[in-house]
PDB file of all heavy atoms in Angstrom:
ATOM      1  N   GLN A   1      36.727  90.975  37.659  1.00  0.00           N
ATOM      2  CA  GLN A   1      38.139  91.402  37.557  1.00  0.00           C
ATOM      3  C   GLN A   1      38.418  92.628  38.390  1.00  0.00           C
ATOM      4  O   GLN A   1      39.578  92.829  38.773  1.00  0.00           O
ATOM      5  CB  GLN A   1      38.624  91.543  36.204  1.00  0.00           C
ATOM      6  CG  GLN A   1      37.713  92.547  35.410  1.00  0.00           C
ATOM      7  CD  GLN A   1      38.265  92.617  33.932  1.00  0.00           C
ATOM      8  OE1 GLN A   1      39.154  92.051  33.533  1.00  0.00           O
ATOM      9  NE2 GLN A   1      37.331  93.248  33.057  1.00  0.00           N
ATOM     10  N   GLU A   2      37.510  93.524  38.690  1.00  0.00           N
ATOM     11  CA  GLU A   2      37.859  94.740  39.347  1.00  0.00           C
ATOM     12  C   GLU A   2      37.270  94.742  40.840  1.00  0.00           C
ATOM     13  O   GLU A   2      37.199  95.773  41.465  1.00  0.00           O
ATOM     14  CB  GLU A   2      37.246  95.896  38.635  1.00  0.00           C
ATOM     15  CG  GLU A   2      37.738  96.087  37.268  1.00  0.00           C
ATOM     16  CD  GLU A   2      39.215  96.470  37.326  1.00  0.00           C
ATOM     17  OE1 GLU A   2      39.688  97.180  38.291  1.00  0.00           O
ATOM     18  OE2 GLU A   2      39.955  96.006  36.568  1.00  0.00           O
ATOM     19  N   VAL A   3      36.799  93.709  41.291  1.00  0.00           N
ATOM     20  CA  VAL A   3      36.316  93.549  42.668  1.00  0.00           C
ATOM     21  C   VAL A   3      37.414  93.546  43.669  1.00  0.00           C
ATOM     22  O   VAL A   3      38.279  92.698  43.625  1.00  0.00           O
ATOM     23  CB  VAL A   3      35.367  92.285  42.723  1.00  0.00           C
ATOM     24  CG1 VAL A   3      34.755  92.176  44.222  1.00  0.00           C
ATOM     25  CG2 VAL A   3      34.230  92.383  41.765  1.00  0.00           C
ATOM     26  N   GLU A   4      37.369  94.430  44.507  1.00  0.00           N
ATOM     27  CA  GLU A   4      38.462  94.511  45.573  1.00  0.00           C
ATOM     28  C   GLU A   4      38.356  93.393  46.602  1.00  0.00           C
ATOM     29  O   GLU A   4      39.460  93.045  47.140  1.00  0.00           O
ATOM     30  CB  GLU A   4      38.380  95.907  46.337  1.00  0.00           C
ATOM     31  CG  GLU A   4      38.832  97.044  45.575  1.00  0.00           C
ATOM     32  CD  GLU A   4      40.271  96.973  45.133  1.00  0.00           C
ATOM     33  OE1 GLU A   4      41.040  96.623  45.934  1.00  0.00           O
ATOM     34  OE2 GLU A   4      40.510  97.313  43.967  1.00  0.00           O
ATOM     35  N   TRP A   5      37.262  92.916  46.998  1.00  0.00           N
ATOM     36  CA  TRP A   5      37.151  91.833  47.973  1.00  0.00           C
ATOM     37  C   TRP A   5      37.812  90.604  47.532  1.00  0.00           C
ATOM     38  O   TRP A   5      38.234  89.794  48.400  1.00  0.00           O
ATOM     39  CB  TRP A   5      35.864  91.594  48.451  1.00  0.00           C
ATOM     40  CG  TRP A   5      34.781  91.270  47.540  1.00  0.00           C
ATOM     41  CD1 TRP A   5      34.009  92.025  46.748  1.00  0.00           C
ATOM     42  CD2 TRP A   5      34.422  89.877  46.968  1.00  0.00           C
ATOM     43  NE1 TRP A   5      33.220  91.339  45.913  1.00  0.00           N
ATOM     44  CE2 TRP A   5      33.600  89.986  45.953  1.00  0.00           C
ATOM     45  CE3 TRP A   5      34.981  88.610  47.298  1.00  0.00           C
ATOM     46  CZ2 TRP A   5      33.028  88.865  45.441  1.00  0.00           C
ATOM     47  CZ3 TRP A   5      34.475  87.573  46.625  1.00  0.00           C
ATOM     48  CH2 TRP A   5      33.566  87.735  45.692  1.00  0.00           C
ATOM     49  N   LEU A   6      38.023  90.433  46.245  1.00  0.00           N
ATOM     50  CA  LEU A   6      38.729  89.249  45.824  1.00  0.00           C
ATOM     51  C   LEU A   6      40.330  89.282  46.149  1.00  0.00           C
ATOM     52  O   LEU A   6      40.985  88.288  46.286  1.00  0.00           O
ATOM     53  CB  LEU A   6      38.591  89.040  44.307  1.00  0.00           C
ATOM     54  CG  LEU A   6      37.160  88.604  43.810  1.00  0.00           C
ATOM     55  CD1 LEU A   6      37.054  88.598  42.345  1.00  0.00           C
ATOM     56  CD2 LEU A   6      36.874  87.315  44.358  1.00  0.00           C
ATOM     57  N   LYS A   7      40.758  90.538  46.167  1.00  0.00           N
ATOM     58  CA  LYS A   7      42.246  90.765  46.426  1.00  0.00           C
ATOM     59  C   LYS A   7      42.481  91.151  47.954  1.00  0.00           C
ATOM     60  O   LYS A   7      43.553  91.662  48.294  1.00  0.00           O
ATOM     61  CB  LYS A   7      42.751  91.863  45.596  1.00  0.00           C
ATOM     62  CG  LYS A   7      42.656  91.511  44.155  1.00  0.00           C
ATOM     63  CD  LYS A   7      43.086  92.771  43.357  1.00  0.00           C
ATOM     64  CE  LYS A   7      42.058  93.117  42.346  1.00  0.00           C
ATOM     65  NZ  LYS A   7      42.308  94.340  41.693  1.00  0.00           N
ATOM     66  N   ALA A   8      41.476  90.988  48.814  1.00  0.00           N
ATOM     67  CA  ALA A   8      41.513  91.481  50.174  1.00  0.00           C
ATOM     68  C   ALA A   8      42.483  90.796  51.000  1.00  0.00           C
ATOM     69  O   ALA A   8      42.775  89.591  50.766  1.00  0.00           O
ATOM     70  CB  ALA A   8      40.089  91.418  50.782  1.00  0.00           C
ATOM     71  N   LYS A   9      43.135  91.515  51.892  1.00  0.00           N
ATOM     72  CA  LYS A   9      44.145  90.856  52.702  1.00  0.00           C
ATOM     73  C   LYS A   9      43.430  89.998  53.763  1.00  0.00           C
ATOM     74  O   LYS A   9      42.239  90.286  54.229  1.00  0.00           O
ATOM     75  CB  LYS A   9      44.906  91.948  53.435  1.00  0.00           C
ATOM     76  CG  LYS A   9      45.667  92.854  52.532  1.00  0.00           C
ATOM     77  CD  LYS A   9      46.514  93.913  53.315  1.00  0.00           C
ATOM     78  CE  LYS A   9      47.201  94.730  52.366  1.00  0.00           C
ATOM     79  NZ  LYS A   9      47.923  95.802  53.106  1.00  0.00           N
ATOM     80  N   PRO A  10      44.078  88.899  54.183  1.00  0.00           N
ATOM     81  CA  PRO A  10      43.406  88.185  55.310  1.00  0.00           C
ATOM     82  C   PRO A  10      43.223  88.824  56.576  1.00  0.00           C
ATOM     83  O   PRO A  10      44.074  89.727  56.939  1.00  0.00           O
ATOM     84  CB  PRO A  10      44.392  86.955  55.391  1.00  0.00           C
ATOM     85  CG  PRO A  10      45.719  87.444  54.949  1.00  0.00           C
ATOM     86  CD  PRO A  10      45.393  88.447  53.873  1.00  0.00           C
ATOM     87  N   LYS A  11      42.165  88.486  57.267  1.00  0.00           N
ATOM     88  CA  LYS A  11      41.840  89.254  58.557  1.00  0.00           C
ATOM     89  C   LYS A  11      42.021  88.144  59.663  1.00  0.00           C
ATOM     90  O   LYS A  11      41.920  87.017  59.408  1.00  0.00           O
ATOM     91  CB  LYS A  11      40.423  89.691  58.518  1.00  0.00           C
ATOM     92  CG  LYS A  11      40.082  90.504  57.209  1.00  0.00           C
ATOM     93  CD  LYS A  11      40.008  91.995  57.479  1.00  0.00           C
ATOM     94  CE  LYS A  11      39.504  92.764  56.356  1.00  0.00           C
ATOM     95  NZ  LYS A  11      40.177  92.597  55.058  1.00  0.00           N
ATOM     96  N   LYS A  12      42.194  88.753  60.885  1.00  0.00           N
ATOM     97  CA  LYS A  12      42.405  87.854  62.021  1.00  0.00           C
ATOM     98  C   LYS A  12      41.578  88.323  63.105  1.00  0.00           C
ATOM     99  O   LYS A  12      41.234  89.606  63.303  1.00  0.00           O
ATOM    100  CB  LYS A  12      43.885  87.883  62.404  1.00  0.00           C
ATOM    101  CG  LYS A  12      44.214  86.968  63.536  1.00  0.00           C
ATOM    102  CD  LYS A  12      45.689  87.010  63.860  1.00  0.00           C
ATOM    103  CE  LYS A  12      46.011  85.743  64.874  1.00  0.00           C
ATOM    104  NZ  LYS A  12      47.386  85.725  65.108  1.00  0.00           N
ATOM    105  N   LEU A  13      40.959  87.371  63.849  1.00  0.00           N
ATOM    106  CA  LEU A  13      40.007  87.781  64.972  1.00  0.00           C
ATOM    107  C   LEU A  13      40.911  87.740  66.175  1.00  0.00           C
ATOM    108  O   LEU A  13      41.576  86.722  66.616  1.00  0.00           O
ATOM    109  CB  LEU A  13      38.905  86.804  65.015  1.00  0.00           C
ATOM    110  CG  LEU A  13      37.728  87.058  66.036  1.00  0.00           C
ATOM    111  CD1 LEU A  13      37.058  88.291  65.522  1.00  0.00           C
ATOM    112  CD2 LEU A  13      36.819  85.912  65.962  1.00  0.00           C
ATOM    113  N   ILE A  14      40.982  88.842  66.994  1.00  0.00           N
ATOM    114  CA  ILE A  14      41.733  88.895  68.221  1.00  0.00           C
ATOM    115  C   ILE A  14      40.794  89.513  69.354  1.00  0.00           C
ATOM    116  O   ILE A  14      39.670  90.114  69.032  1.00  0.00           O
ATOM    117  CB  ILE A  14      43.009  89.813  68.251  1.00  0.00           C
ATOM    118  CG1 ILE A  14      42.627  91.241  67.850  1.00  0.00           C
ATOM    119  CG2 ILE A  14      43.894  89.179  67.078  1.00  0.00           C
ATOM    120  CD1 ILE A  14      43.754  92.197  67.982  1.00  0.00           C
ATOM    121  N   GLU A  15      41.227  89.372  70.572  1.00  0.00           N
ATOM    122  CA  GLU A  15      40.424  89.994  71.770  1.00  0.00           C
ATOM    123  C   GLU A  15      41.209  91.250  72.143  1.00  0.00           C
ATOM    124  O   GLU A  15      42.417  91.162  72.413  1.00  0.00           O
ATOM    125  CB  GLU A  15      40.372  88.958  72.835  1.00  0.00           C
ATOM    126  CG  GLU A  15      39.424  89.441  73.936  1.00  0.00           C
ATOM    127  CD  GLU A  15      38.995  88.322  74.939  1.00  0.00           C
ATOM    128  OE1 GLU A  15      38.726  87.252  74.485  1.00  0.00           O
ATOM    129  OE2 GLU A  15      39.053  88.618  76.052  1.00  0.00           O
ATOM    130  N   LEU A  16      40.531  92.311  72.182  1.00  0.00           N
ATOM    131  CA  LEU A  16      41.157  93.528  72.506  1.00  0.00           C
ATOM    132  C   LEU A  16      40.308  94.169  73.683  1.00  0.00           C
ATOM    133  O   LEU A  16      39.081  94.432  73.518  1.00  0.00           O
ATOM    134  CB  LEU A  16      41.198  94.533  71.404  1.00  0.00           C
ATOM    135  CG  LEU A  16      41.850  95.824  71.552  1.00  0.00           C
ATOM    136  CD1 LEU A  16      43.374  95.694  71.925  1.00  0.00           C
ATOM    137  CD2 LEU A  16      41.642  96.761  70.302  1.00  0.00           C
ATOM    138  N   ASN A  17      40.869  94.325  74.869  1.00  0.00           N
ATOM    139  CA  ASN A  17      40.093  95.002  76.046  1.00  0.00           C
ATOM    140  C   ASN A  17      38.863  94.128  76.363  1.00  0.00           C
ATOM    141  O   ASN A  17      37.764  94.645  76.637  1.00  0.00           O
ATOM    142  CB  ASN A  17      39.692  96.330  75.807  1.00  0.00           C
ATOM    143  CG  ASN A  17      40.903  97.225  75.681  1.00  0.00           C
ATOM    144  OD1 ASN A  17      42.000  96.918  76.209  1.00  0.00           O
ATOM    145  ND2 ASN A  17      40.884  98.348  74.971  1.00  0.00           N
ATOM    146  N   GLY A  18      38.946  92.804  76.104  1.00  0.00           N
ATOM    147  CA  GLY A  18      37.835  91.938  76.346  1.00  0.00           C
ATOM    148  C   GLY A  18      36.761  91.815  75.252  1.00  0.00           C
ATOM    149  O   GLY A  18      35.805  91.157  75.535  1.00  0.00           O
ATOM    150  N   VAL A  19      37.117  92.434  74.193  1.00  0.00           N
ATOM    151  CA  VAL A  19      36.041  92.457  73.084  1.00  0.00           C
ATOM    152  C   VAL A  19      36.812  91.825  71.838  1.00  0.00           C
ATOM    153  O   VAL A  19      37.892  92.186  71.569  1.00  0.00           O
ATOM    154  CB  VAL A  19      35.595  93.905  72.703  1.00  0.00           C
ATOM    155  CG1 VAL A  19      34.704  93.907  71.543  1.00  0.00           C
ATOM    156  CG2 VAL A  19      35.076  94.636  73.935  1.00  0.00           C
ATOM    157  N   ALA A  20      35.976  90.962  71.159  1.00  0.00           N
ATOM    158  CA  ALA A  20      36.679  90.341  70.000  1.00  0.00           C
ATOM    159  C   ALA A  20      36.398  91.288  68.753  1.00  0.00           C
ATOM    160  O   ALA A  20      35.318  91.798  68.534  1.00  0.00           O
ATOM    161  CB  ALA A  20      35.729  89.042  69.681  1.00  0.00           C
ATOM    162  N   VAL A  21      37.603  91.542  68.135  1.00  0.00           N
ATOM    163  CA  VAL A  21      37.617  92.428  66.988  1.00  0.00           C
ATOM    164  C   VAL A  21      38.277  91.850  65.748  1.00  0.00           C
ATOM    165  O   VAL A  21      39.232  90.938  66.067  1.00  0.00           O
ATOM    166  CB  VAL A  21      38.232  93.889  67.350  1.00  0.00           C
ATOM    167  CG1 VAL A  21      37.372  94.558  68.254  1.00  0.00           C
ATOM    168  CG2 VAL A  21      39.638  93.639  67.853  1.00  0.00           C
ATOM    169  N   GLU A  22      37.876  92.110  64.628  1.00  0.00           N
ATOM    170  CA  GLU A  22      38.622  91.552  63.452  1.00  0.00           C
ATOM    171  C   GLU A  22      39.525  92.655  62.983  1.00  0.00           C
ATOM    172  O   GLU A  22      39.251  93.810  62.785  1.00  0.00           O
ATOM    173  CB  GLU A  22      37.525  91.303  62.323  1.00  0.00           C
ATOM    174  CG  GLU A  22      37.954  90.648  61.075  1.00  0.00           C
ATOM    175  CD  GLU A  22      36.848  90.304  60.133  1.00  0.00           C
ATOM    176  OE1 GLU A  22      35.786  89.768  60.641  1.00  0.00           O
ATOM    177  OE2 GLU A  22      37.013  90.560  58.983  1.00  0.00           O
ATOM    178  N   VAL A  23      40.849  92.225  62.765  1.00  0.00           N
ATOM    179  CA  VAL A  23      41.820  93.233  62.500  1.00  0.00           C
ATOM    180  C   VAL A  23      42.587  92.662  61.097  1.00  0.00           C
ATOM    181  O   VAL A  23      42.526  91.570  60.691  1.00  0.00           O
ATOM    182  CB  VAL A  23      42.867  93.407  63.548  1.00  0.00           C
ATOM    183  CG1 VAL A  23      42.279  93.882  64.803  1.00  0.00           C
ATOM    184  CG2 VAL A  23      43.563  92.065  63.901  1.00  0.00           C
ATOM    185  N   GLU A  24      43.143  93.786  60.618  1.00  0.00           N
ATOM    186  CA  GLU A  24      44.014  93.578  59.375  1.00  0.00           C
ATOM    187  C   GLU A  24      45.438  93.942  59.734  1.00  0.00           C
ATOM    188  O   GLU A  24      45.625  95.108  60.351  1.00  0.00           O
ATOM    189  CB  GLU A  24      43.471  94.292  58.276  1.00  0.00           C
ATOM    190  CG  GLU A  24      44.300  94.273  57.004  1.00  0.00           C
ATOM    191  CD  GLU A  24      43.812  95.272  55.901  1.00  0.00           C
ATOM    192  OE1 GLU A  24      42.649  95.699  55.902  1.00  0.00           O
ATOM    193  OE2 GLU A  24      44.622  95.686  55.030  1.00  0.00           O
ATOM    194  N   LEU A  25      46.495  93.147  59.335  1.00  0.00           N
ATOM    195  CA  LEU A  25      47.827  93.474  59.573  1.00  0.00           C
ATOM    196  C   LEU A  25      48.360  94.449  58.511  1.00  0.00           C
ATOM    197  O   LEU A  25      48.228  94.080  57.292  1.00  0.00           O
ATOM    198  CB  LEU A  25      48.647  92.304  59.630  1.00  0.00           C
ATOM    199  CG  LEU A  25      50.173  92.442  59.887  1.00  0.00           C
ATOM    200  CD1 LEU A  25      50.387  92.999  61.282  1.00  0.00           C
ATOM    201  CD2 LEU A  25      50.907  91.121  59.788  1.00  0.00           C
ATOM    202  N   LEU A  26      48.999  95.573  58.909  1.00  0.00           N
ATOM    203  CA  LEU A  26      49.372  96.476  58.032  1.00  0.00           C
ATOM    204  C   LEU A  26      50.916  96.229  57.826  1.00  0.00           C
ATOM    205  O   LEU A  26      51.500  95.658  58.588  1.00  0.00           O
ATOM    206  CB  LEU A  26      49.194  97.955  58.485  1.00  0.00           C
ATOM    207  CG  LEU A  26      47.657  98.290  58.663  1.00  0.00           C
ATOM    208  CD1 LEU A  26      47.569  99.647  59.276  1.00  0.00           C
ATOM    209  CD2 LEU A  26      46.904  98.184  57.407  1.00  0.00           C
TER     210      LEU A  26
END
């Protein structure tokens, strides 16, 4: 019940300067 990863926001994989990075939308 207190685990934060269960409530985590969805992440998206994008390419930034030719490198794949996982980002979170704020």
